[in-house]
């Protein structure tokens, strides 16, 4: 097999997920703003997760991994989904034609806006090309990616099935009859993506097996652009936000040094939040299914993913219980905070873990505001929140505000209570934990600033109408 078969194999989860979303969202026109980009972006996340679930099912059934065993059923299902959405084929080609035209020059842009549009597209294209070379040429770096994740991928690829890993004591008790690495408790999703890439390539290659990380970065950009366009953001503004999400320095590092769980978790979580916002705007049940699938995927990427998925609950509460949702969500966050303060007492413990209150606020402030890992992310988020403070609890912005508050509470819990990382099996640094929330923060800042700008534009018009 060659790199060409690797390319074809990596298209399989993208094709399966996109056709699945096409089948689920039959009532939504592909010609709607951002819909095609959303289907392509979120489709990869759904398809990649489904691929790993199918590989887990094959292993449980005792069927050895192979390109045919893994790909054939997914391609058959993709054909079925495409058949049931066949009435959208014409709309698909029309949407692709319109998208290609809009890609060159979206309607409604001034001459300066068109130049900005072309510059951003060129910059994004160049960035992904450079990152593609990094993924193709950069061997697996000997840190966590090498000691915790790729160990499983190598063993499962060679054996053609999933076998259990245990800690050193379990390995000793089994007299060497099992495998062990630095983190045997980690979920199998990401190693299975590496196994799939190796299967389609036909050999073990610790660089080329990491192409899914590049695909995740591209899919995240498409998802952000498509979701924001469906939320009535202008094309240029949505492209700017997609550019900001993909230009986070630490995110780029995690594409180039692929193999860690932080970027996939950040992307899946951001896509789940975006899908949640689409559901909040439309109350489409199929969109709710997408939210559930993406949240479940978060929990299967890394142990902290379950915590990030749980931060969606305050947003759901404030939508389903509009009269008392704010109070309930605030009470939930307050109860967790109070519980942590109680557990921080020397005499308290949970599951054998003591919770020391040992924050490193000075180092955190330096990392967030002075160093280059985040550009101007945190300054931008704070500025947007201050500008839109009157609108943060408005029906338009409240669900996202609740989610971001819950996510920030989880992040700062990991900072202030280092032992919480042990309980969540999150041994990543604070910077890497921040990456898991960063794309969602960019989206929040963009929507908050848009709300502020719309209010500023409406107030003069309202004043003129009242004077008239």
Protein backbone atom coordinates (compact mmCIF):
# COMPACT_ATOMS: atom_id res chain seq x y z
CA UNK A 1 0.00 0.00 0.00
CA UNK A 2 1.11 3.58 -0.58
CA UNK A 3 0.44 7.10 0.53
CA UNK A 4 -2.42 7.12 -1.96
CA UNK A 5 -4.22 4.36 -0.06
CA UNK A 6 -3.50 6.27 3.15
CA UNK A 7 -5.27 9.28 1.64
CA UNK A 8 -8.22 7.17 0.56
CA UNK A 9 -8.42 5.56 3.99
CA UNK A 10 -8.42 8.88 5.79
CA UNK A 11 -11.35 9.99 3.64
CA UNK A 12 -13.51 7.09 4.89
CA UNK A 13 -14.49 8.58 8.29
CA UNK A 14 -14.99 11.98 6.65
CA UNK A 15 -17.29 10.50 4.01
CA UNK A 16 -19.22 8.42 6.53
CA UNK A 17 -19.75 11.29 8.97
CA UNK A 18 -20.73 13.80 6.26
CA UNK A 19 -23.30 11.47 4.70
CA UNK A 20 -24.64 10.63 8.16
CA UNK A 21 -25.19 14.32 8.91
CA UNK A 22 -26.75 14.77 5.48
CA UNK A 23 -29.20 12.02 6.31
CA UNK A 24 -29.95 13.45 9.75
CA UNK A 25 -30.39 17.03 8.56
CA UNK A 26 -32.58 16.39 5.55
CA UNK A 27 -34.88 19.25 6.50
CA UNK A 28 -32.06 21.77 6.40
CA UNK A 29 -31.06 23.16 3.03
CA UNK A 30 -27.46 22.72 2.05
CA UNK A 31 -27.73 26.11 0.43
CA UNK A 32 -28.30 27.74 3.82
CA UNK A 33 -25.41 29.91 5.02
CA UNK A 34 -22.61 27.76 6.39
CA UNK A 35 -24.50 24.47 6.16
CA UNK A 36 -22.10 22.77 3.75
CA UNK A 37 -19.06 23.82 5.79
CA UNK A 38 -20.74 22.55 8.95
CA UNK A 39 -21.57 19.18 7.39
CA UNK A 40 -17.98 18.76 6.24
CA UNK A 41 -16.45 19.93 9.52
CA UNK A 42 -18.70 18.27 12.07
CA UNK A 43 -19.02 15.27 9.74
CA UNK A 44 -15.37 14.42 10.27
CA UNK A 45 -15.69 14.49 14.05
CA UNK A 46 -18.76 12.24 13.96
CA UNK A 47 -17.24 9.91 11.38
CA UNK A 48 -13.87 9.55 13.13
CA UNK A 49 -15.58 8.68 16.41
CA UNK A 50 -17.88 6.19 14.67
CA UNK A 51 -14.85 4.58 13.02
CA UNK A 52 -13.23 3.91 16.40
CA UNK A 53 -16.48 2.54 17.83
CA UNK A 54 -16.70 0.12 14.91
CA UNK A 55 -13.09 -0.98 15.46
CA UNK A 56 -13.88 -1.62 19.11
CA UNK A 57 -16.88 -3.73 18.05
CA UNK A 58 -14.70 -5.73 15.63
CA UNK A 59 -12.21 -6.43 18.39
CA UNK A 60 -14.94 -7.58 20.76
CA UNK A 61 -16.26 -9.88 18.04
CA UNK A 62 -12.82 -11.41 17.55
CA UNK A 63 -12.44 -10.07 13.99
CA UNK A 64 -8.92 -8.97 13.15
CA UNK A 65 -8.38 -5.41 11.96
CA UNK A 66 -8.02 -4.98 8.21
CA UNK A 67 -8.81 -2.28 5.71
CA UNK A 68 -11.71 -4.31 4.31
CA UNK A 69 -13.20 -5.25 7.68
CA UNK A 70 -13.11 -1.67 8.93
CA UNK A 71 -13.91 0.32 5.79
CA UNK A 72 -16.43 -1.83 3.91
CA UNK A 73 -19.33 -1.56 6.43
CA UNK A 74 -18.77 2.19 6.87
CA UNK A 75 -18.74 2.78 3.12
CA UNK A 76 -21.88 0.66 2.76
CA UNK A 77 -23.61 2.73 5.43
CA UNK A 78 -22.40 5.92 3.76
CA UNK A 79 -24.00 4.73 0.52
CA UNK A 80 -27.26 4.02 2.38
CA UNK A 81 -27.24 7.44 4.05
CA UNK A 82 -26.53 9.01 0.67
CA UNK A 83 -29.40 7.07 -0.87
CA UNK A 84 -31.90 8.22 1.74
CA UNK A 85 -30.78 11.80 1.26
CA UNK A 86 -30.73 11.42 -2.54
CA UNK A 87 -33.28 14.18 -3.00
CA UNK A 88 -30.55 16.51 -1.74
CA UNK A 89 -28.06 15.51 -4.45
CA UNK A 90 -29.09 18.38 -6.66
CA UNK A 91 -28.97 20.71 -3.70
CA UNK A 92 -25.55 19.33 -2.82
CA UNK A 93 -24.10 20.16 -6.22
CA UNK A 94 -25.81 23.54 -6.17
CA UNK A 95 -24.43 24.22 -2.71
CA UNK A 96 -20.95 23.18 -3.81
CA UNK A 97 -21.21 25.46 -6.84
CA UNK A 98 -22.42 28.37 -4.71
CA UNK A 99 -19.74 27.66 -2.11
CA UNK A 100 -16.98 27.71 -4.74
CA UNK A 101 -18.27 31.05 -6.01
CA UNK A 102 -18.58 32.46 -2.50
CA UNK A 103 -15.09 31.18 -1.74
CA UNK A 104 -13.70 33.51 -4.40
CA UNK A 105 -15.81 36.54 -3.59
CA UNK A 106 -18.68 36.45 -1.07
CA UNK A 107 -21.58 38.73 -1.88
CA UNK A 108 -21.91 42.00 -0.03
CA UNK A 109 -18.22 42.64 0.59
CA UNK A 110 -16.60 45.93 -0.19
CA UNK A 111 -13.34 46.02 -2.13
CA UNK A 112 -11.36 46.20 1.12
CA UNK A 113 -13.45 43.35 2.50
CA UNK A 114 -12.66 41.18 -0.54
CA UNK A 115 -8.95 41.82 -0.12
CA UNK A 116 -9.22 40.88 3.56
CA UNK A 117 -11.15 37.75 2.60
CA UNK A 118 -8.52 36.64 0.07
CA UNK A 119 -5.68 37.40 2.49
CA UNK A 120 -7.26 35.30 5.25
CA UNK A 121 -7.94 32.41 2.88
CA UNK A 122 -4.37 32.49 1.61
CA UNK A 123 -3.02 32.61 5.16
CA UNK A 124 -5.18 29.68 6.24
CA UNK A 125 -4.19 27.64 3.19
CA UNK A 126 -0.50 28.34 3.78
CA UNK A 127 -0.82 27.45 7.46
CA UNK A 128 -2.42 24.09 6.73
CA UNK A 129 0.11 23.31 4.00
CA UNK A 130 3.00 23.99 6.39
CA UNK A 131 1.33 21.93 9.13
CA UNK A 132 0.82 19.10 6.62
CA UNK A 133 4.56 18.98 5.98
CA UNK A 134 5.19 18.97 9.72
CA UNK A 135 2.84 16.03 10.24
CA UNK A 136 4.35 14.12 7.32
CA UNK A 137 7.99 14.66 8.32
CA UNK A 138 8.00 15.02 12.11
CA UNK A 139 8.62 11.68 13.87
CA UNK A 140 6.67 10.95 16.99
CA UNK A 141 8.08 13.12 19.76
CA UNK A 142 9.20 11.11 22.83
CA UNK A 143 6.93 12.64 25.44
CA UNK A 144 3.39 11.62 26.41
CA UNK A 145 2.48 10.94 22.80
CA UNK A 146 5.17 8.28 22.73
CA UNK A 147 4.80 6.83 26.24
CA UNK A 148 1.01 6.89 26.72
CA UNK A 149 -0.79 6.79 23.38
CA UNK A 150 1.36 5.39 20.58
CA UNK A 151 2.33 2.36 22.69
CA UNK A 152 -1.25 1.13 22.44
CA UNK A 153 -1.47 1.97 18.74
CA UNK A 154 1.70 -0.01 17.97
CA UNK A 155 0.61 -3.11 19.87
CA UNK A 156 -2.94 -3.07 18.51
CA UNK A 157 -1.71 -2.57 14.96
CA UNK A 158 0.73 -5.47 15.17
CA UNK A 159 -1.81 -7.80 16.79
CA UNK A 160 -4.79 -6.65 14.73
CA UNK A 161 -7.04 -6.27 17.76
CA UNK A 162 -7.41 -4.40 21.04
CA UNK A 163 -5.63 -6.03 23.97
CA UNK A 164 -5.73 -4.70 27.54
CA UNK A 165 -2.98 -2.65 29.14
CA UNK A 166 -2.30 -2.56 32.86
CA UNK A 167 0.00 -0.82 35.29
CA UNK A 168 3.34 -2.26 36.35
CA UNK A 169 1.92 -4.18 39.29
CA UNK A 170 -0.78 -5.78 37.14
CA UNK A 171 1.86 -6.68 34.56
CA UNK A 172 4.02 -8.29 37.23
CA UNK A 173 1.03 -10.19 38.65
CA UNK A 174 0.20 -11.45 35.15
CA UNK A 175 3.78 -12.68 34.72
CA UNK A 176 4.21 -10.64 31.54
CA UNK A 177 0.99 -11.93 29.96
CA UNK A 178 -0.33 -8.42 29.40
CA UNK A 179 0.98 -5.11 28.13
CA UNK A 180 1.70 -1.98 30.10
CA UNK A 181 2.73 1.61 29.45
CA UNK A 182 2.78 4.93 31.30
CA UNK A 183 -1.02 5.37 31.20
CA UNK A 184 -2.94 2.10 30.76
CA UNK A 185 -6.22 3.75 31.83
CA UNK A 186 -6.52 6.01 28.77
CA UNK A 187 -9.44 5.49 26.35
CA UNK A 188 -8.69 3.70 23.04
CA UNK A 189 -10.17 6.28 20.65
CA UNK A 190 -7.03 8.16 19.61
CA UNK A 191 -4.77 5.08 19.35
CA UNK A 192 -7.40 3.47 17.13
CA UNK A 193 -7.26 6.43 14.76
CA UNK A 194 -3.51 5.86 14.54
CA UNK A 195 -4.08 2.15 13.97
CA UNK A 196 -6.48 2.95 11.13
CA UNK A 197 -3.97 5.26 9.46
CA UNK A 198 -1.30 2.54 9.74
CA UNK A 199 -3.66 -0.07 8.30
CA UNK A 200 -4.40 2.03 5.24
CA UNK A 201 -0.69 2.83 4.80
CA UNK A 202 0.19 -0.84 5.09
CA UNK A 203 3.01 -0.38 7.56
CA UNK A 204 3.84 1.22 10.88
CA UNK A 205 4.99 4.81 10.43
CA UNK A 206 5.10 6.96 13.56
CA UNK A 207 4.82 10.16 11.50
CA UNK A 208 2.21 9.37 8.84
CA UNK A 209 -0.10 7.70 11.37
CA UNK A 210 -0.70 11.16 12.86
CA UNK A 211 -2.59 12.59 9.89
CA UNK A 212 -5.89 12.59 11.89
CA UNK A 213 -4.52 15.51 13.93
CA UNK A 214 -4.19 17.58 10.77
CA UNK A 215 -7.70 16.54 9.73
CA UNK A 216 -9.00 17.57 13.14
CA UNK A 217 -7.51 21.05 12.72
CA UNK A 218 -9.06 21.46 9.26
CA UNK A 219 -12.42 20.11 10.44
CA UNK A 220 -12.38 22.53 13.39
CA UNK A 221 -11.90 25.50 11.05
CA UNK A 222 -14.76 24.31 8.83
CA UNK A 223 -17.03 23.69 11.83
CA UNK A 224 -16.40 27.12 13.33
CA UNK A 225 -17.02 28.90 10.04
CA UNK A 226 -20.12 26.84 9.20
CA UNK A 227 -21.72 27.11 12.64
CA UNK A 228 -21.17 30.86 12.92
CA UNK A 229 -22.56 31.42 9.45
CA UNK A 230 -25.65 29.42 10.41
CA UNK A 231 -25.90 31.70 13.46
CA UNK A 232 -26.21 34.68 11.07
CA UNK A 233 -22.64 35.90 11.34
CA UNK A 234 -21.34 37.54 8.16
CA UNK A 235 -18.95 35.52 5.93
CA UNK A 236 -15.92 37.71 6.63
CA UNK A 237 -16.54 37.78 10.38
CA UNK A 238 -17.00 33.99 10.50
CA UNK A 239 -13.77 33.51 8.54
CA UNK A 240 -11.93 35.83 10.94
CA UNK A 241 -13.09 33.71 13.89
CA UNK A 242 -12.07 30.49 12.12
CA UNK A 243 -8.68 32.07 11.47
CA UNK A 244 -8.31 33.07 15.13
CA UNK A 245 -9.18 29.56 16.28
CA UNK A 246 -6.61 27.97 13.98
CA UNK A 247 -3.91 30.56 14.72
CA UNK A 248 -3.56 29.77 18.43
CA UNK A 249 0.16 29.01 18.75
CA UNK A 250 -0.22 26.08 21.15
CA UNK A 251 -2.91 24.55 18.92
CA UNK A 252 -0.52 24.67 15.96
CA UNK A 253 2.17 23.02 18.08
CA UNK A 254 -0.22 20.17 18.84
CA UNK A 255 -0.79 19.63 15.12
CA UNK A 256 2.91 19.68 14.29
CA UNK A 257 3.82 17.51 17.30
CA UNK A 258 0.81 15.28 16.79
CA UNK A 259 -0.09 12.43 19.11
CA UNK A 260 -1.49 14.19 22.19
CA UNK A 261 -5.14 14.23 23.24
CA UNK A 262 -5.41 17.96 24.02
CA UNK A 263 -6.12 19.26 20.50
CA UNK A 264 -8.66 16.53 19.62
CA UNK A 265 -10.43 17.13 22.93
CA UNK A 266 -10.45 20.90 22.35
CA UNK A 267 -11.84 20.44 18.84
CA UNK A 268 -14.52 17.92 19.80
CA UNK A 269 -15.59 20.07 22.75
CA UNK A 270 -15.76 23.22 20.63
CA UNK A 271 -17.75 21.37 17.98
CA UNK A 272 -20.13 20.08 20.66
CA UNK A 273 -20.63 23.65 21.92
CA UNK A 274 -21.25 24.91 18.37
CA UNK A 275 -23.73 22.12 17.72
CA UNK A 276 -25.41 23.02 21.01
CA UNK A 277 -25.73 26.65 19.85
CA UNK A 278 -27.28 25.48 16.58
CA UNK A 279 -29.75 23.37 18.56
CA UNK A 280 -30.53 26.32 20.84
CA UNK A 281 -31.33 28.42 17.76
CA UNK A 282 -33.45 25.81 15.93
CA UNK A 283 -34.52 23.24 18.58
CA UNK A 284 -33.91 20.63 15.89
CA UNK A 285 -33.93 17.15 17.45
CA UNK A 286 -31.36 15.86 14.99
CA UNK A 287 -29.01 18.65 16.11
CA UNK A 288 -29.58 17.52 19.69
CA UNK A 289 -28.47 14.02 18.65
CA UNK A 290 -25.29 15.52 17.20
CA UNK A 291 -24.62 17.31 20.50
CA UNK A 292 -25.00 14.06 22.44
CA UNK A 293 -22.71 12.15 20.07
CA UNK A 294 -20.00 14.81 20.25
CA UNK A 295 -20.27 15.05 24.04
CA UNK A 296 -19.96 11.26 24.29
CA UNK A 297 -16.91 11.44 22.03
CA UNK A 298 -15.32 13.96 24.41
CA UNK A 299 -15.59 11.45 27.24
CA UNK A 300 -13.89 8.80 25.08
CA UNK A 301 -10.90 10.90 24.06
CA UNK A 302 -9.31 11.47 27.46
CA UNK A 303 -10.44 11.21 31.10
CA UNK A 304 -11.01 14.99 31.50
CA UNK A 305 -13.37 14.84 28.51
CA UNK A 306 -16.23 13.73 30.73
CA UNK A 307 -15.75 16.89 32.80
CA UNK A 308 -15.79 19.08 29.71
CA UNK A 309 -18.90 17.33 28.41
CA UNK A 310 -20.58 17.99 31.77
CA UNK A 311 -20.07 21.74 31.32
CA UNK A 312 -22.74 21.64 28.62
CA UNK A 313 -25.38 20.92 31.27
CA UNK A 314 -25.70 24.53 32.56
CA UNK A 315 -26.40 25.66 29.00
CA UNK A 316 -29.07 23.00 28.58
CA UNK A 317 -30.64 23.97 31.90
CA UNK A 318 -30.96 27.67 31.12
CA UNK A 319 -32.67 26.80 27.82
CA UNK A 320 -35.08 24.16 29.10
CA UNK A 321 -35.87 26.08 32.31
CA UNK A 322 -35.85 29.74 31.23
CA UNK A 323 -37.45 31.05 34.43
CA UNK A 324 -35.15 29.39 36.95
CA UNK A 325 -32.31 28.09 34.79
CA UNK A 326 -29.85 30.81 35.76
CA UNK A 327 -30.36 30.16 39.46
CA UNK A 328 -30.05 26.40 39.04
CA UNK A 329 -26.88 26.67 36.93
CA UNK A 330 -25.33 29.14 39.38
CA UNK A 331 -26.27 26.88 42.29
CA UNK A 332 -24.60 23.92 40.57
CA UNK A 333 -21.35 25.81 40.03
CA UNK A 334 -21.51 27.21 43.56
CA UNK A 335 -22.11 23.77 45.06
CA UNK A 336 -19.09 22.34 43.26
CA UNK A 337 -16.96 25.28 44.41
CA UNK A 338 -18.14 24.89 48.00
CA UNK A 339 -17.46 21.16 47.88
CA UNK A 340 -13.91 21.77 46.70
CA UNK A 341 -13.33 24.25 49.52
CA UNK A 342 -14.58 21.67 52.02
CA UNK A 343 -12.36 19.00 50.50
CA UNK A 344 -9.41 21.39 50.71
CA UNK A 345 -9.48 21.06 54.48
CA UNK A 346 -6.65 18.90 55.85
CA UNK A 347 -9.07 16.37 57.35
CA UNK A 348 -11.07 15.83 54.16
CA UNK A 349 -10.48 13.41 51.31
CA UNK A 350 -12.38 11.97 48.33
CA UNK A 351 -11.57 8.51 46.95
CA UNK A 352 -8.35 8.67 48.90
CA UNK A 353 -7.26 11.98 47.36
CA UNK A 354 -6.69 15.11 49.41
CA UNK A 355 -7.43 18.42 47.74
CA UNK A 356 -4.73 20.95 48.49
CA UNK A 357 -5.57 24.55 47.67
CA UNK A 358 -2.31 25.45 45.98
CA UNK A 359 -2.97 27.97 43.19
CA UNK A 360 -0.21 29.37 41.00
CA UNK A 361 -1.97 32.57 39.98
CA UNK A 362 1.25 34.49 39.23
CA UNK A 363 2.51 31.86 36.81
CA UNK A 364 -0.97 31.54 35.32
CA UNK A 365 -1.25 35.29 34.75
CA UNK A 366 2.18 35.36 33.16
CA UNK A 367 1.28 32.49 30.84
CA UNK A 368 -2.07 33.96 29.86
CA UNK A 369 -1.17 37.63 29.43
CA UNK A 370 2.59 37.97 28.87
CA UNK A 371 3.82 34.91 26.99
CA UNK A 372 3.07 34.01 23.39
CA UNK A 373 1.19 30.73 23.81
CA UNK A 374 -2.21 32.38 23.49
CA UNK A 375 -1.58 35.57 21.50
CA UNK A 376 -4.21 38.00 22.81
CA UNK A 377 -6.81 35.33 23.61
CA UNK A 378 -7.42 36.12 27.27
CA UNK A 379 -7.25 39.87 26.79
CA UNK A 380 -9.76 39.53 23.97
CA UNK A 381 -12.12 37.36 26.01
CA UNK A 382 -12.06 39.75 28.97
CA UNK A 383 -12.50 42.79 26.71
CA UNK A 384 -15.44 41.20 24.86
CA UNK A 385 -17.10 40.18 28.15
CA UNK A 386 -16.71 43.70 29.55
CA UNK A 387 -18.10 45.30 26.40
CA UNK A 388 -21.06 42.93 26.31
CA UNK A 389 -21.66 42.71 30.07
CA UNK A 390 -25.21 43.98 29.67
CA UNK A 391 -25.94 41.18 27.19
CA UNK A 392 -24.21 38.20 28.78
CA UNK A 393 -27.48 37.11 30.40
CA UNK A 394 -29.65 37.91 27.39
CA UNK A 395 -31.53 35.01 25.78
CA UNK A 396 -29.21 35.21 22.78
CA UNK A 397 -25.98 34.81 24.75
CA UNK A 398 -26.99 33.24 28.07
CA UNK A 399 -26.59 29.54 27.10
CA UNK A 400 -23.04 30.10 25.87
CA UNK A 401 -22.26 32.27 28.89
CA UNK A 402 -23.37 29.45 31.20
CA UNK A 403 -21.20 26.92 29.37
CA UNK A 404 -18.14 29.18 29.36
CA UNK A 405 -18.56 29.93 33.08
CA UNK A 406 -18.74 26.20 33.82
CA UNK A 407 -15.72 25.55 31.60
CA UNK A 408 -13.72 28.35 33.23
CA UNK A 409 -14.67 26.98 36.66
CA UNK A 410 -13.38 23.55 35.66
CA UNK A 411 -10.17 25.02 34.25
CA UNK A 412 -9.42 27.14 37.32
CA UNK A 413 -10.26 24.19 39.57
CA UNK A 414 -7.43 22.32 37.89
CA UNK A 415 -5.20 25.33 38.58
CA UNK A 416 -6.17 25.99 42.19
CA UNK A 417 -6.52 22.33 43.23
CA UNK A 418 -3.69 20.34 41.63
CA UNK A 419 -4.99 17.13 43.22
CA UNK A 420 -8.15 17.46 41.13
CA UNK A 421 -6.03 16.63 38.11
CA UNK A 422 -5.17 13.29 39.71
CA UNK A 423 -8.84 12.54 40.30
CA UNK A 424 -9.63 13.42 36.66
CA UNK A 425 -6.53 11.54 35.46
CA UNK A 426 -5.45 14.80 33.83
CA UNK A 427 -1.69 14.90 34.14
CA UNK A 428 -1.35 17.58 31.47
CA UNK A 429 0.11 20.97 32.27
CA UNK A 430 -2.14 23.96 32.88
CA UNK A 431 -1.26 25.26 29.43
CA UNK A 432 -2.41 22.06 27.77
CA UNK A 433 -5.56 22.02 29.90
CA UNK A 434 -6.23 25.58 28.76
CA UNK A 435 -5.98 24.48 25.14
CA UNK A 436 -8.98 22.24 25.72
CA UNK A 437 -11.12 25.34 26.37
CA UNK A 438 -9.37 27.86 24.10
CA UNK A 439 -11.35 27.40 20.82
CA UNK A 440 -14.62 27.72 22.72
CA UNK A 441 -13.35 30.93 24.34
CA UNK A 442 -12.60 32.39 20.90
CA UNK A 443 -16.16 31.63 19.78
CA UNK A 444 -17.55 33.15 22.98
CA UNK A 445 -15.52 36.34 22.54
CA UNK A 446 -16.63 36.66 18.92
CA UNK A 447 -20.34 36.21 19.69
CA UNK A 448 -20.16 38.52 22.72
CA UNK A 449 -18.51 41.25 20.65
CA UNK A 450 -21.10 40.80 17.89
CA UNK A 451 -23.91 41.18 20.43
CA UNK A 452 -22.29 44.36 21.74
CA UNK A 453 -21.86 45.75 18.20
CA UNK A 454 -25.48 44.99 17.32
CA UNK A 455 -26.70 46.75 20.47
CA UNK A 456 -24.57 49.79 19.69
CA UNK A 457 -25.99 49.87 16.16
CA UNK A 458 -29.58 49.53 17.41
CA UNK A 459 -29.43 52.20 20.10
CA UNK A 460 -28.97 55.21 17.75
CA UNK A 461 -31.72 53.93 15.49
CA UNK A 462 -34.04 53.49 18.47
CA UNK A 463 -33.21 56.98 19.72
CA UNK A 464 -33.95 58.51 16.34
CA UNK A 465 -37.26 56.66 16.15
CA UNK A 466 -38.26 57.88 19.61
CA UNK A 467 -37.40 61.49 18.78
CA UNK A 468 -39.41 61.23 15.57
